[in-house]
Protein backbone atom coordinates (compact mmCIF):
# COMPACT_ATOMS: atom_id res chain seq x y z
CA UNK A 1 -8.49 13.08 -9.22
CA UNK A 2 -7.56 16.01 -6.98
CA UNK A 3 -4.26 14.18 -6.39
CA UNK A 4 -3.19 14.18 -10.03
CA UNK A 5 0.22 15.59 -9.03
CA UNK A 6 0.85 12.50 -6.88
CA UNK A 7 -0.12 10.33 -9.85
CA UNK A 8 2.34 12.17 -12.11
CA UNK A 9 5.12 11.67 -9.54
CA UNK A 10 4.40 7.94 -9.22
CA UNK A 11 4.16 7.46 -12.97
CA UNK A 12 7.34 9.47 -13.61
CA UNK A 13 9.32 7.54 -10.99
CA UNK A 14 8.19 4.26 -12.50
CA UNK A 15 8.82 5.24 -16.11
CA UNK A 16 12.27 6.67 -15.31
CA UNK A 17 13.33 3.47 -13.56
CA UNK A 18 15.52 1.49 -16.01
CA UNK A 19 13.63 -1.39 -17.57
CA UNK A 20 13.19 -2.98 -21.02
CA UNK A 21 11.60 0.17 -22.48
CA UNK A 22 14.26 2.54 -21.15
CA UNK A 23 17.07 0.27 -22.32
CA UNK A 24 15.46 0.04 -25.77
CA UNK A 25 15.22 3.84 -26.09
CA UNK A 26 18.81 4.29 -24.95
CA UNK A 27 20.10 1.61 -27.32
CA UNK A 28 18.20 3.14 -30.23
CA UNK A 29 19.59 6.58 -29.44
CA UNK A 30 23.13 5.17 -29.56
CA UNK A 31 22.49 3.37 -32.84
CA UNK A 32 20.11 5.45 -34.94
CA UNK A 33 19.26 9.06 -35.63
CA UNK A 34 16.81 11.05 -33.52
CA UNK A 35 13.91 10.57 -35.94
CA UNK A 36 14.05 6.79 -35.90
CA UNK A 37 14.56 6.74 -32.14
CA UNK A 38 11.33 8.74 -31.81
CA UNK A 39 9.43 6.05 -33.72
CA UNK A 40 10.52 3.50 -31.13
CA UNK A 41 9.42 5.75 -28.29
CA UNK A 42 6.01 6.28 -29.90
CA UNK A 43 5.66 2.51 -30.18
CA UNK A 44 6.43 2.13 -26.48
CA UNK A 45 3.85 4.78 -25.61
CA UNK A 46 1.12 3.24 -27.76
CA UNK A 47 1.85 -0.18 -26.30
CA UNK A 48 1.38 1.24 -22.82
CA UNK A 49 -1.98 2.67 -23.89
CA UNK A 50 -3.07 -0.76 -25.08
CA UNK A 51 -2.05 -2.30 -21.75
CA UNK A 52 -3.89 0.48 -19.89
CA UNK A 53 -7.08 -0.26 -21.83
CA UNK A 54 -6.89 -3.94 -20.88
CA UNK A 55 -6.41 -2.99 -17.23
CA UNK A 56 -9.21 -0.42 -17.36
CA UNK A 57 -11.73 -3.06 -18.41
CA UNK A 58 -11.12 -5.04 -15.22
CA UNK A 59 -11.15 -1.93 -13.02
CA UNK A 60 -14.41 -0.69 -14.56
CA UNK A 61 -16.04 -4.06 -13.94
CA UNK A 62 -14.85 -4.00 -10.34
CA UNK A 63 -16.33 -0.54 -9.74
CA UNK A 64 -19.69 -1.67 -11.12
CA UNK A 65 -19.68 -4.83 -8.99
CA UNK A 66 -18.72 -3.67 -5.50
CA UNK A 67 -17.42 -0.46 -4.00
CA UNK A 68 -16.02 -2.34 -1.01
CA UNK A 69 -14.08 -4.62 -3.34
CA UNK A 70 -12.84 -1.56 -5.21
CA UNK A 71 -11.58 -0.02 -1.96
CA UNK A 72 -9.88 -3.28 -1.04
CA UNK A 73 -8.10 -3.25 -4.40
CA UNK A 74 -7.03 0.32 -3.65
CA UNK A 75 -5.28 -0.81 -0.47
CA UNK A 76 -3.68 -3.82 -2.19
CA UNK A 77 -2.56 -1.57 -5.02
CA UNK A 78 -1.03 0.96 -2.64
CA UNK A 79 0.87 -1.87 -0.91
CA UNK A 80 2.11 -3.03 -4.30
CA UNK A 81 3.41 0.47 -5.06
CA UNK A 82 5.18 0.36 -1.68
CA UNK A 83 6.73 -2.97 -2.69
CA UNK A 84 7.91 -1.53 -6.01
CA UNK A 85 9.53 1.39 -4.22
CA UNK A 86 11.30 -0.88 -1.73
CA UNK A 87 12.52 -3.12 -4.54
CA UNK A 88 13.93 -0.12 -6.43
CA UNK A 89 15.57 1.28 -3.29
CA UNK A 90 17.07 -1.96 -1.98
CA UNK A 91 17.82 -3.70 -5.29
CA UNK A 92 21.36 -4.70 -6.10
CA UNK A 93 23.34 -2.75 -8.62
CA UNK A 94 23.57 -4.44 -12.01
CA UNK A 95 25.57 -3.42 -15.06
CA UNK A 96 23.02 -2.48 -17.70
CA UNK A 97 23.49 -4.09 -21.09
CA UNK A 98 23.54 -0.98 -23.25
CA UNK A 99 25.15 -1.48 -26.63
CA UNK A 100 25.46 0.30 -29.94
CA UNK A 101 25.48 -1.34 -33.36
CA UNK A 102 26.74 1.64 -35.28
CA UNK A 103 29.42 -0.53 -36.86
CA UNK A 104 26.80 -2.75 -38.46
CA UNK A 105 25.79 -0.62 -41.44
CA UNK A 106 23.44 -3.22 -42.90
CA UNK A 107 21.47 -3.49 -39.64
CA UNK A 108 21.03 0.28 -39.52
CA UNK A 109 19.83 0.43 -43.12
CA UNK A 110 17.21 -2.31 -42.69
CA UNK A 111 15.87 -0.99 -39.39
CA UNK A 112 13.66 1.85 -40.52
CA UNK A 113 11.26 3.88 -38.41
CA UNK A 114 8.39 1.42 -38.85
CA UNK A 115 10.51 -1.48 -37.59
CA UNK A 116 11.55 0.48 -34.52
CA UNK A 117 7.92 1.47 -33.89
CA UNK A 118 6.87 -2.20 -33.95
CA UNK A 119 9.77 -3.13 -31.70
CA UNK A 120 8.72 -0.52 -29.13
CA UNK A 121 5.07 -1.54 -29.38
CA UNK A 122 5.92 -5.20 -28.77
CA UNK A 123 8.32 -4.40 -25.92
CA UNK A 124 5.72 -2.54 -23.86
CA UNK A 125 2.61 -4.54 -24.79
CA UNK A 126 4.25 -7.92 -24.11
CA UNK A 127 5.52 -6.96 -20.65
CA UNK A 128 3.07 -8.09 -17.90
CA UNK A 129 4.43 -5.63 -15.31
CA UNK A 130 2.56 -2.56 -16.67
CA UNK A 131 -0.73 -4.42 -16.17
CA UNK A 132 0.10 -4.82 -12.47
CA UNK A 133 1.14 -1.17 -12.33
CA UNK A 134 -2.10 0.12 -13.84
CA UNK A 135 -4.22 -2.23 -11.71
CA UNK A 136 -2.40 -0.94 -8.63
CA UNK A 137 -2.26 2.77 -9.46
CA UNK A 138 -5.43 3.64 -11.37
CA UNK A 139 -7.85 2.78 -8.53
CA UNK A 140 -6.00 5.21 -6.24
CA UNK A 141 -7.02 8.17 -8.41
CA UNK A 142 -10.46 7.22 -9.70
CA UNK A 143 -13.63 8.46 -8.01
CA UNK A 144 -16.16 5.63 -8.26
CA UNK A 145 -18.99 8.15 -7.94
CA UNK A 146 -17.95 10.03 -11.06
CA UNK A 147 -17.93 9.10 -14.77
CA UNK A 148 -15.25 6.46 -15.26
CA UNK A 149 -14.21 6.97 -18.90
CA UNK A 150 -13.01 10.62 -18.65
CA UNK A 151 -10.97 9.77 -15.56
CA UNK A 152 -9.40 6.73 -17.20
CA UNK A 153 -8.54 8.67 -20.37
CA UNK A 154 -6.87 11.43 -18.36
CA UNK A 155 -4.74 8.95 -16.39
CA UNK A 156 -3.85 6.76 -19.38
CA UNK A 157 -3.03 9.60 -21.77
CA UNK A 158 -1.00 11.39 -19.08
CA UNK A 159 1.03 8.22 -18.59
CA UNK A 160 1.62 7.84 -22.34
CA UNK A 161 2.71 11.48 -22.60
CA UNK A 162 5.13 10.99 -19.71
CA UNK A 163 6.59 7.94 -21.48
CA UNK A 164 7.30 10.07 -24.56
CA UNK A 165 8.82 12.93 -22.54
CA UNK A 166 11.00 10.83 -20.22
CA UNK A 167 12.21 8.39 -22.88
CA UNK A 168 13.00 11.29 -25.21
CA UNK A 169 15.11 12.85 -22.44
CA UNK A 170 16.95 9.56 -21.97
CA UNK A 171 17.54 9.22 -25.70
CA UNK A 172 18.87 12.76 -26.00
CA UNK A 173 21.09 12.42 -22.92
CA UNK A 174 22.72 9.20 -24.06
CA UNK A 175 23.06 10.43 -27.63
CA UNK A 176 25.11 13.37 -26.37
CA UNK A 177 27.02 11.45 -23.67
CA UNK A 178 27.65 8.25 -25.63
CA UNK A 179 31.37 8.35 -24.80
CA UNK A 180 30.67 8.21 -21.07
CA UNK A 181 28.38 5.20 -20.76
CA UNK A 182 29.74 4.02 -17.44
CA UNK A 183 29.17 7.42 -15.82
CA UNK A 184 25.72 7.53 -17.39
CA UNK A 185 24.91 4.17 -15.82
CA UNK A 186 25.87 5.66 -12.46
CA UNK A 187 23.19 8.27 -13.06
CA UNK A 188 20.64 5.58 -13.93
CA UNK A 189 21.45 3.81 -10.66
CA UNK A 190 20.88 7.05 -8.73
CA UNK A 191 17.59 7.66 -10.55
CA UNK A 192 16.39 4.19 -9.57
CA UNK A 193 17.19 4.77 -5.90
CA UNK A 194 15.57 8.21 -5.89
CA UNK A 195 12.48 6.81 -7.61
CA UNK A 196 12.27 4.10 -4.95
CA UNK A 197 12.24 6.67 -2.15
CA UNK A 198 9.55 8.70 -3.92
CA UNK A 199 7.35 5.63 -4.45
CA UNK A 200 7.67 4.54 -0.81
CA UNK A 201 6.64 7.96 0.51
CA UNK A 202 3.69 8.29 -1.88
CA UNK A 203 2.62 4.67 -1.33
CA UNK A 204 2.46 5.21 2.43
CA UNK A 205 0.20 8.21 1.84
CA UNK A 206 -2.05 6.14 -0.42
CA UNK A 207 -2.20 3.22 2.03
CA UNK A 208 -3.26 5.53 4.87
CA UNK A 209 -5.87 7.31 2.75
CA UNK A 210 -7.32 4.09 1.33
CA UNK A 211 -7.38 2.50 4.80
CA UNK A 212 -9.30 5.44 6.24
CA UNK A 213 -11.81 5.26 3.41
CA UNK A 214 -12.30 1.51 3.82
CA UNK A 215 -12.82 1.77 7.58
CA UNK A 216 -15.41 4.47 6.99
CA UNK A 217 -17.51 2.24 4.68
């Protein structure tokens, strides 16, 4: 937990990387007003919290069962973070499908804040990738000798807060720069590559630290 800054960097790089949630927030910002876009972002954040709770159950059971197994999971998780970073850095460039439905007045009228909230909640809670992320990242920053629940709550709530902050920034940026979507996609591509480099560097640090701990057991 002394490395909370590293956790924030890893979480931020992952959240900022364009995926279903980011695309949803951007699309909403191009289609609806700021208030309704915020409902969708809150749904995404709450969905992530639900996924984190599911992951936390397995991690807590692992800690109670075997510390050696927990350390092994730490190393595997750090390697997975390294893989994510490499995938982001070396991945091919794709044209993101970002659209606006501002011409469809009926669609805008029927999609109120509650509908967007449910859409965001379903988008994040139905995606299996966050489970792998939490299973890989949480063990890196949890001290098995300390109370588990406060540590989990800090990590999970920090992640959810970062989702709200980063997605809100995306929504605001694309709302203002809606006439320059292609240039904006160039920025998204750069963010993905930068995030990949950050994850690789931090993952290497985590692999080394976890390996030293495991060898000392």
